[in-house]
Structures are given as structure tokens and as C-alpha cells.
Amino acid sequence: MPDERPVAALRGVSMRYGRVTALHDVDLAIHAGQMLALLGPNGAGKSTSIALLLGLLRPGQGRAELFGCDPQQLAARRRIGVMLQSAQLPPTLRVGELLRLTASYYPHPRTVQSCASLAGIEDVLMRPYGKLSGGQRRRVQFALALCGRPTLLFLDEPTVGMDIEARQKLWATMRSLVEEGCAVVLTTHYLEEAEALADRVAVMAHGRVIHQGTVDALRARVAVRRIRCMSSLSAETVACWPGVSLVERHGGALHIATLEAEAVVRRLLASDADLSGLEVTRAGLAEAFTELTRDADTALHTAREVA
């Protein structure tokens, strides 16, 4: 069971840049042995929240904590690993040299071979960093984040540019780290990644946390259902039915999103006697995320009009 005390937290944090409110009264907690997916559209406040937890910014109001300490304390910062979306690394250094250099900053680092194995980069240790592909560079950056044996790992869009095999390798490593008790904060635009990996999800919009909880709890907040079936009906026809919000055809199958699943299923059966392969499932994370952020946008616009 995860420790009830958070390894990192934002408590009542607000941040302003001039007239722009980046964060408004944000509470966020990260626990050992859990992966928290921090989701939200661009400008939602994710980057500011992470910068506060890393000690790169000071909160305007409230407080940030890292292992119960000020995030700028060296002892606390040595216990974290960070993989940011953009990293400037010396292009002429070989990958093994980068790992050894990074490991030298920590009192009890992982070995070069251990980091390389966890990130799946054993075959590029002798290659200059500047000669690597985008996906290979991301795996090297992941390995660098692991050098200090972190108990808290920040991963910002970690699998951008990776092929499916490399992505699955990283997923497996991330799961094993969490099972060993490491806390992970994941920011990603790949919602299927968050759905597959996260224990908890925090959704941000307009500088506020608008939802925190499990993936299942987030799905339960929306009424959208997915219908999949093999049918000769055209997507254009079904899209005109009441209650249908989206219809797509993939590989001969119709994929329907609807708020009126029972009514749509009855009409499908009545309209196509040869219909087969009928499946009805609840909303995925993508639908739930879209609905939540759309509601947040509507609420903000309404508040501005009233003001």
C-alpha cells in the first residue's frame, strides 16, 4: 500500500504572471508507489505546477513541498529524477559518457549498465548523442533521469518520437519502478498512455485542478458510451441519429460515441438485420478528458460574461 504521506505536494498554491493567473488555489499530492498522470490542454498550468515541485519557481501563495522540505533543498532534489520535454545535451559526448557524468552527481547512483538496460539503450552507449534519432534521444534522457536511483520521477511527454516497441519497453520499466515504490508524475498528450499506466489522474484547466482520482472515477463522471459493431449502415447515416455525437468507420466496423446507448443500439438492430459483433463500453479517458475540459471552458466563458 502507498504511504499516506505525500512525497511531494502543492498546498493552496496560486501563481500570477502580471495579469495572468497561472495557478489558482491548487492542491496536488504525489504518493510513493503511485503514478500520477497530470493532464490538461496547453496553458492549463501543468508546467508551472511541475516547476514549483522542482524548486524552479516559488509559489506566490501557498506552499510547495518535496519530501516534506523546501523543493530547493539539495538533499530533497537529489532524491528526484527529471525528464523534461526539451533537453539540451552535449551532442559530441557518447551516451555512456553522459550517463557516467550524470551518475557522478549522486552519492549512490545506478551503474551505467543498469540505466542502459532499464531504458533499452545498451546498443547506443558508444554512439555520440548528436547522432541519435529523436526516439533514441528520449530513451537516453529517460536513462539519465534514473541515474540517481530517484524515489520520485518526473516524466514530461516521455515517449514522444518513440516507436511502439520502444514505448512498450519504457512502459514496462515505469510500471516496475512504481511497483518498487517509486512515485512517478507523468505528463502526456497520449491519453491512452495515461489510461494504461496511471493509478491516479489530475486534470487541469485554466490554472485549476478540475478533477483528481482514479481513471475509473474520471470515466464515471461522463455519460458517453462507445458502441462498436459490424454493419452495412453508413457512418453518415448513423451520425444523423439523435444522441449520436461521433461516428467513425475503422476496418469495416462502425465506432459510435453516444449519450443514448440503449436507444442507438435498438435503432441499429432495427435498421440492419445482419448487424454483428455488437459491443457497448463506457467512455474512455479521451472522452472523459474532452468533456471535463469543455465544461471548464464553458464555465470560464460564462463567468467572464457575467463579470
Protein backbone atom coordinates (compact mmCIF):
# COMPACT_ATOMS: atom_id res chain seq x y z
CA MET A 1 0.00 0.00 0.00
CA PRO A 2 1.29 3.50 -0.80
CA ASP A 3 2.42 5.64 2.13
CA GLU A 4 -0.37 8.05 3.11
CA ARG A 5 2.13 10.92 3.45
CA PRO A 6 2.82 12.54 0.08
CA VAL A 7 6.38 12.60 -1.22
CA ALA A 8 5.57 15.91 -2.90
CA ALA A 9 2.67 18.32 -2.68
CA LEU A 10 1.25 21.69 -3.64
CA ARG A 11 -0.95 23.16 -0.91
CA GLY A 12 -3.25 26.06 -1.75
CA VAL A 13 -0.83 27.34 -4.39
CA SER A 14 -1.60 30.35 -6.56
CA MET A 15 0.71 31.94 -9.13
CA ARG A 16 0.35 35.07 -11.23
CA TYR A 17 2.43 36.44 -14.10
CA GLY A 18 1.34 40.07 -14.32
CA ARG A 19 -2.38 39.95 -15.03
CA VAL A 20 -2.34 36.27 -15.96
CA THR A 21 -3.29 33.73 -13.29
CA ALA A 22 -1.23 30.60 -13.97
CA LEU A 23 -2.47 28.68 -10.93
CA HIS A 24 -5.43 29.30 -8.65
CA ASP A 25 -5.57 27.60 -5.22
CA VAL A 26 -4.09 24.31 -6.45
CA ASP A 27 -3.85 21.29 -4.15
CA LEU A 28 -1.91 18.35 -5.51
CA ALA A 29 -0.32 15.34 -3.78
CA ILE A 30 2.04 12.67 -5.11
CA HIS A 31 2.41 9.42 -3.17
CA ALA A 32 5.08 6.72 -3.12
CA GLY A 33 4.27 3.68 -5.23
CA GLN A 34 1.81 5.59 -7.42
CA MET A 35 1.86 7.07 -10.90
CA LEU A 36 0.01 10.36 -11.19
CA ALA A 37 -0.89 11.49 -14.71
CA LEU A 38 -1.10 15.28 -14.84
CA LEU A 39 -3.30 16.12 -17.80
CA GLY A 40 -4.62 19.29 -19.35
CA PRO A 41 -4.55 21.38 -22.52
CA ASN A 42 -1.67 23.74 -23.25
CA GLY A 43 -1.68 26.63 -20.79
CA ALA A 44 -3.59 24.69 -18.15
CA GLY A 45 -0.88 25.10 -15.51
CA LYS A 46 0.91 21.74 -15.70
CA SER A 47 4.37 23.14 -16.41
CA THR A 48 4.07 25.74 -13.66
CA SER A 49 2.98 23.07 -11.17
CA ILE A 50 5.98 20.89 -12.01
CA ALA A 51 8.37 23.85 -11.87
CA LEU A 52 7.14 24.59 -8.36
CA LEU A 53 7.64 21.00 -7.23
CA LEU A 54 11.14 21.03 -8.73
CA GLY A 55 12.02 24.23 -6.88
CA LEU A 56 12.47 26.17 -10.13
CA LEU A 57 9.73 28.63 -9.07
CA ARG A 58 8.48 29.94 -5.74
CA PRO A 59 4.71 29.99 -5.14
CA GLY A 60 3.04 33.38 -4.95
CA GLN A 61 0.65 31.96 -2.34
CA GLY A 62 0.55 28.62 -0.57
CA ARG A 63 3.49 26.26 -0.38
CA ALA A 64 5.27 23.53 -2.31
CA GLU A 65 6.80 20.52 -0.55
CA LEU A 66 9.32 17.91 -1.68
CA PHE A 67 9.82 15.05 0.78
CA GLY A 68 8.48 17.38 3.47
CA CYS A 69 11.14 20.00 2.69
CA ASP A 70 11.56 23.12 0.61
CA PRO A 71 11.95 21.88 -3.01
CA GLN A 72 15.12 23.98 -3.36
CA GLN A 73 16.97 21.98 -0.70
CA LEU A 74 19.73 19.89 -2.26
CA ALA A 75 19.01 16.83 -0.10
CA ALA A 76 15.44 16.71 -1.43
CA ARG A 77 16.41 17.37 -5.04
CA ARG A 78 18.93 14.52 -5.02
CA ARG A 79 16.03 12.12 -4.50
CA ILE A 80 14.26 13.04 -7.75
CA GLY A 81 14.79 12.24 -11.42
CA VAL A 82 13.60 14.55 -14.17
CA MET A 83 12.92 14.00 -17.85
CA LEU A 84 11.74 17.25 -19.40
CA GLN A 85 10.18 17.63 -22.84
CA SER A 86 13.21 19.51 -24.13
CA ALA A 87 16.78 18.74 -23.07
CA GLN A 88 19.99 20.37 -24.26
CA LEU A 89 22.79 17.80 -24.00
CA PRO A 90 26.31 17.96 -25.48
CA PRO A 91 25.97 16.36 -28.93
CA THR A 92 29.60 15.20 -29.11
CA LEU A 93 29.58 13.20 -25.87
CA ARG A 94 28.93 9.48 -26.18
CA VAL A 95 25.86 8.10 -24.43
CA GLY A 96 27.97 6.15 -21.93
CA GLU A 97 29.92 9.31 -21.10
CA LEU A 98 26.69 11.23 -20.47
CA LEU A 99 25.49 8.51 -18.11
CA ARG A 100 28.76 8.41 -16.19
CA LEU A 101 28.84 12.20 -15.91
CA THR A 102 25.26 12.37 -14.61
CA ALA A 103 25.82 9.49 -12.18
CA SER A 104 28.80 11.36 -10.68
CA TYR A 105 26.42 13.98 -9.24
CA TYR A 106 24.76 11.44 -6.90
CA PRO A 107 26.07 9.71 -3.77
CA HIS A 108 24.69 6.25 -4.63
CA PRO A 109 23.99 6.13 -8.39
CA ARG A 110 22.90 3.26 -10.56
CA THR A 111 25.54 1.74 -12.79
CA VAL A 112 25.74 2.77 -16.42
CA GLN A 113 24.72 -0.74 -17.49
CA SER A 114 21.72 -0.73 -15.16
CA CYS A 115 20.45 2.61 -16.50
CA ALA A 116 21.05 1.49 -20.08
CA SER A 117 19.16 -1.75 -19.52
CA LEU A 118 16.17 -0.03 -17.91
CA ALA A 119 15.91 2.40 -20.84
CA GLY A 120 16.73 -0.14 -23.56
CA ILE A 121 19.79 1.75 -24.88
CA GLU A 122 22.55 -0.84 -24.43
CA ASP A 123 23.23 -0.75 -28.18
CA VAL A 124 23.97 3.01 -28.35
CA LEU A 125 26.33 3.51 -25.38
CA MET A 126 29.30 4.18 -27.67
CA ARG A 127 27.46 6.50 -30.05
CA PRO A 128 27.59 10.33 -29.83
CA TYR A 129 24.33 11.77 -28.51
CA GLY A 130 24.05 14.10 -31.50
CA LYS A 131 23.97 11.13 -33.91
CA LEU A 132 20.89 9.55 -32.33
CA SER A 133 17.32 9.61 -33.63
CA GLY A 134 14.64 11.52 -31.74
CA GLY A 135 13.27 8.38 -30.12
CA GLN A 136 16.75 7.21 -29.09
CA ARG A 137 17.46 10.60 -27.51
CA ARG A 138 14.28 10.34 -25.45
CA ARG A 139 15.37 6.92 -24.17
CA VAL A 140 18.78 8.33 -23.25
CA GLN A 141 17.08 11.18 -21.38
CA PHE A 142 14.98 8.60 -19.53
CA ALA A 143 18.15 6.70 -18.57
CA LEU A 144 19.73 9.93 -17.29
CA ALA A 145 16.67 10.55 -15.10
CA LEU A 146 17.23 7.16 -13.45
CA CYS A 147 20.93 7.63 -12.64
CA GLY A 148 20.44 8.79 -9.05
CA ARG A 149 18.02 5.99 -8.02
CA PRO A 150 15.17 8.51 -7.65
CA THR A 151 12.25 7.89 -5.32
CA LEU A 152 10.25 10.49 -7.28
CA LEU A 153 10.40 10.67 -11.06
CA PHE A 154 9.04 13.50 -13.24
CA LEU A 155 8.39 12.43 -16.83
CA ASP A 156 7.27 15.13 -19.26
CA GLU A 157 5.99 13.61 -22.53
CA PRO A 158 8.46 10.72 -22.15
CA THR A 159 7.55 8.67 -25.22
CA VAL A 160 7.32 11.39 -27.89
CA GLY A 161 9.09 10.23 -31.05
CA MET A 162 9.38 6.59 -29.98
CA ASP A 163 8.26 3.59 -31.98
CA ILE A 164 5.79 1.12 -30.50
CA GLU A 165 8.45 -1.32 -29.28
CA ALA A 166 10.47 1.38 -27.50
CA ARG A 167 7.33 2.85 -25.97
CA GLN A 168 6.24 -0.52 -24.58
CA LYS A 169 9.73 -1.06 -23.14
CA LEU A 170 9.52 2.26 -21.32
CA TRP A 171 6.00 1.46 -20.09
CA ALA A 172 7.25 -1.81 -18.61
CA THR A 173 10.13 -0.04 -16.86
CA MET A 174 7.84 2.65 -15.49
CA ARG A 175 5.49 0.01 -14.09
CA SER A 176 8.38 -1.86 -12.44
CA LEU A 177 9.68 1.36 -10.84
CA VAL A 178 6.24 2.09 -9.38
CA GLU A 179 5.99 -1.48 -8.07
CA GLU A 180 9.32 -0.92 -6.29
CA GLY A 181 7.84 2.11 -4.51
CA CYS A 182 8.93 4.94 -6.78
CA ALA A 183 6.47 7.81 -7.26
CA VAL A 184 6.01 8.99 -10.85
CA VAL A 185 4.48 12.18 -12.19
CA LEU A 186 3.59 11.74 -15.86
CA THR A 187 2.53 14.49 -18.23
CA THR A 188 1.46 13.26 -21.65
CA HIS A 189 -0.76 14.16 -24.58
CA TYR A 190 -1.13 10.44 -25.32
CA LEU A 191 -4.24 9.78 -23.28
CA GLU A 192 -4.02 6.03 -23.94
CA GLU A 193 -0.64 6.17 -22.19
CA ALA A 194 -2.16 7.74 -19.08
CA GLU A 195 -5.07 5.28 -19.23
CA ALA A 196 -2.71 2.30 -19.39
CA LEU A 197 -0.25 3.43 -16.72
CA ALA A 198 -1.70 5.86 -14.18
CA ASP A 199 -3.01 4.97 -10.74
CA ARG A 200 -4.42 8.47 -10.38
CA VAL A 201 -5.25 11.30 -12.76
CA ALA A 202 -5.30 15.04 -12.10
CA VAL A 203 -6.93 17.11 -14.84
CA MET A 204 -6.06 20.81 -15.02
CA ALA A 205 -7.74 23.63 -16.91
CA HIS A 206 -7.24 27.39 -16.64
CA GLY A 207 -4.87 27.05 -13.70
CA ARG A 208 -7.19 24.91 -11.61
CA VAL A 209 -7.35 21.22 -10.80
CA ILE A 210 -10.83 20.25 -12.02
CA HIS A 211 -10.57 16.54 -11.23
CA GLN A 212 -8.43 14.20 -9.14
CA GLY A 213 -8.95 10.48 -8.75
CA THR A 214 -8.55 7.13 -10.44
CA VAL A 215 -9.01 6.62 -14.17
CA ASP A 216 -12.21 4.70 -13.43
CA ALA A 217 -13.54 7.59 -11.34
CA LEU A 218 -12.85 10.01 -14.18
CA ARG A 219 -14.62 7.78 -16.68
CA ALA A 220 -17.61 7.50 -14.35
CA ARG A 221 -18.08 11.28 -14.45
CA VAL A 222 -19.19 11.21 -18.07
CA ALA A 223 -22.19 9.57 -19.62
CA VAL A 224 -20.66 8.85 -23.03
CA ARG A 225 -20.70 5.22 -24.19
CA ARG A 226 -18.84 3.62 -27.09
CA ILE A 227 -20.61 1.27 -29.48
CA ARG A 228 -18.70 -0.94 -31.90
CA CYS A 229 -20.38 -3.16 -34.47
CA MET A 230 -20.06 -4.64 -37.94
CA SER A 231 -22.75 -3.05 -40.06
CA SER A 232 -23.52 -2.10 -43.65
CA LEU A 233 -25.00 1.20 -42.44
CA SER A 234 -23.00 4.23 -43.50
CA ALA A 235 -21.33 6.41 -40.91
CA GLU A 236 -23.08 9.42 -42.41
CA THR A 237 -26.49 7.87 -41.80
CA VAL A 238 -25.81 6.93 -38.18
CA ALA A 239 -24.26 10.34 -37.46
CA CYS A 240 -27.67 11.93 -38.09
CA TRP A 241 -29.41 9.89 -35.40
CA PRO A 242 -30.46 11.62 -32.14
CA GLY A 243 -27.96 11.20 -29.31
CA VAL A 244 -25.01 10.29 -31.56
CA SER A 245 -22.02 12.57 -31.06
CA LEU A 246 -19.39 10.83 -33.20
CA VAL A 247 -19.25 8.03 -35.79
CA GLU A 248 -16.16 6.60 -37.46
CA ARG A 249 -15.51 3.53 -39.58
CA HIS A 250 -12.34 1.51 -39.00
CA GLY A 251 -11.64 -1.73 -40.81
CA GLY A 252 -15.29 -2.30 -41.68
CA ALA A 253 -16.53 -1.65 -38.15
CA LEU A 254 -18.61 1.31 -37.01
CA HIS A 255 -17.38 3.10 -33.88
CA ILE A 256 -20.07 5.27 -32.30
CA ALA A 257 -19.93 7.65 -29.32
CA THR A 258 -23.30 8.45 -27.77
CA LEU A 259 -25.09 9.62 -24.67
CA GLU A 260 -28.11 7.44 -25.56
CA ALA A 261 -26.57 3.99 -25.89
CA GLU A 262 -29.76 1.95 -25.41
CA ALA A 263 -31.75 3.92 -27.97
CA VAL A 264 -28.92 3.81 -30.52
CA VAL A 265 -28.46 0.05 -30.08
CA ARG A 266 -32.19 -0.56 -30.63
CA ARG A 267 -32.12 1.52 -33.80
CA LEU A 268 -29.00 -0.28 -35.07
CA LEU A 269 -30.68 -3.65 -34.61
CA ALA A 270 -33.88 -2.43 -36.28
CA SER A 271 -32.02 -0.85 -39.21
CA ASP A 272 -29.60 -3.67 -40.02
CA ALA A 273 -30.77 -7.29 -39.77
CA ASP A 274 -27.23 -8.51 -40.50
CA LEU A 275 -25.57 -6.44 -37.76
CA SER A 276 -22.94 -8.41 -35.80
CA GLY A 277 -20.07 -8.02 -33.35
CA LEU A 278 -22.01 -5.56 -31.19
CA GLU A 279 -20.05 -4.19 -28.21
CA VAL A 280 -21.01 -1.40 -25.80
CA THR A 281 -18.39 0.03 -23.43
CA ARG A 282 -18.18 3.07 -21.19
CA ALA A 283 -16.24 6.20 -22.10
CA GLY A 284 -12.52 6.04 -22.35
CA LEU A 285 -10.17 8.56 -20.79
CA ALA A 286 -10.10 10.59 -24.00
CA GLU A 287 -13.87 11.21 -23.96
CA ALA A 288 -13.86 11.96 -20.24
CA PHE A 289 -10.96 14.39 -20.59
CA THR A 290 -12.62 16.16 -23.52
CA GLU A 291 -15.92 16.55 -21.69
CA LEU A 292 -14.32 17.81 -18.47
CA THR A 293 -12.15 20.42 -20.19
CA ARG A 294 -15.05 21.52 -22.39
CA ASP A 295 -17.18 22.06 -19.27
CA ALA A 296 -14.34 24.05 -17.70
CA ASP A 297 -14.10 26.25 -20.82
CA THR A 298 -17.87 26.85 -20.76
CA ALA A 299 -17.83 27.76 -17.06
CA LEU A 300 -14.96 30.21 -17.57
CA HIS A 301 -16.64 31.92 -20.52
CA THR A 302 -19.92 32.18 -18.58
CA ALA A 303 -18.13 33.74 -15.61
CA ARG A 304 -16.44 36.30 -17.87
CA GLU A 305 -19.74 37.25 -19.49
CA VAL A 306 -21.39 37.73 -16.09
CA ALA A 307 -18.44 39.83 -14.90
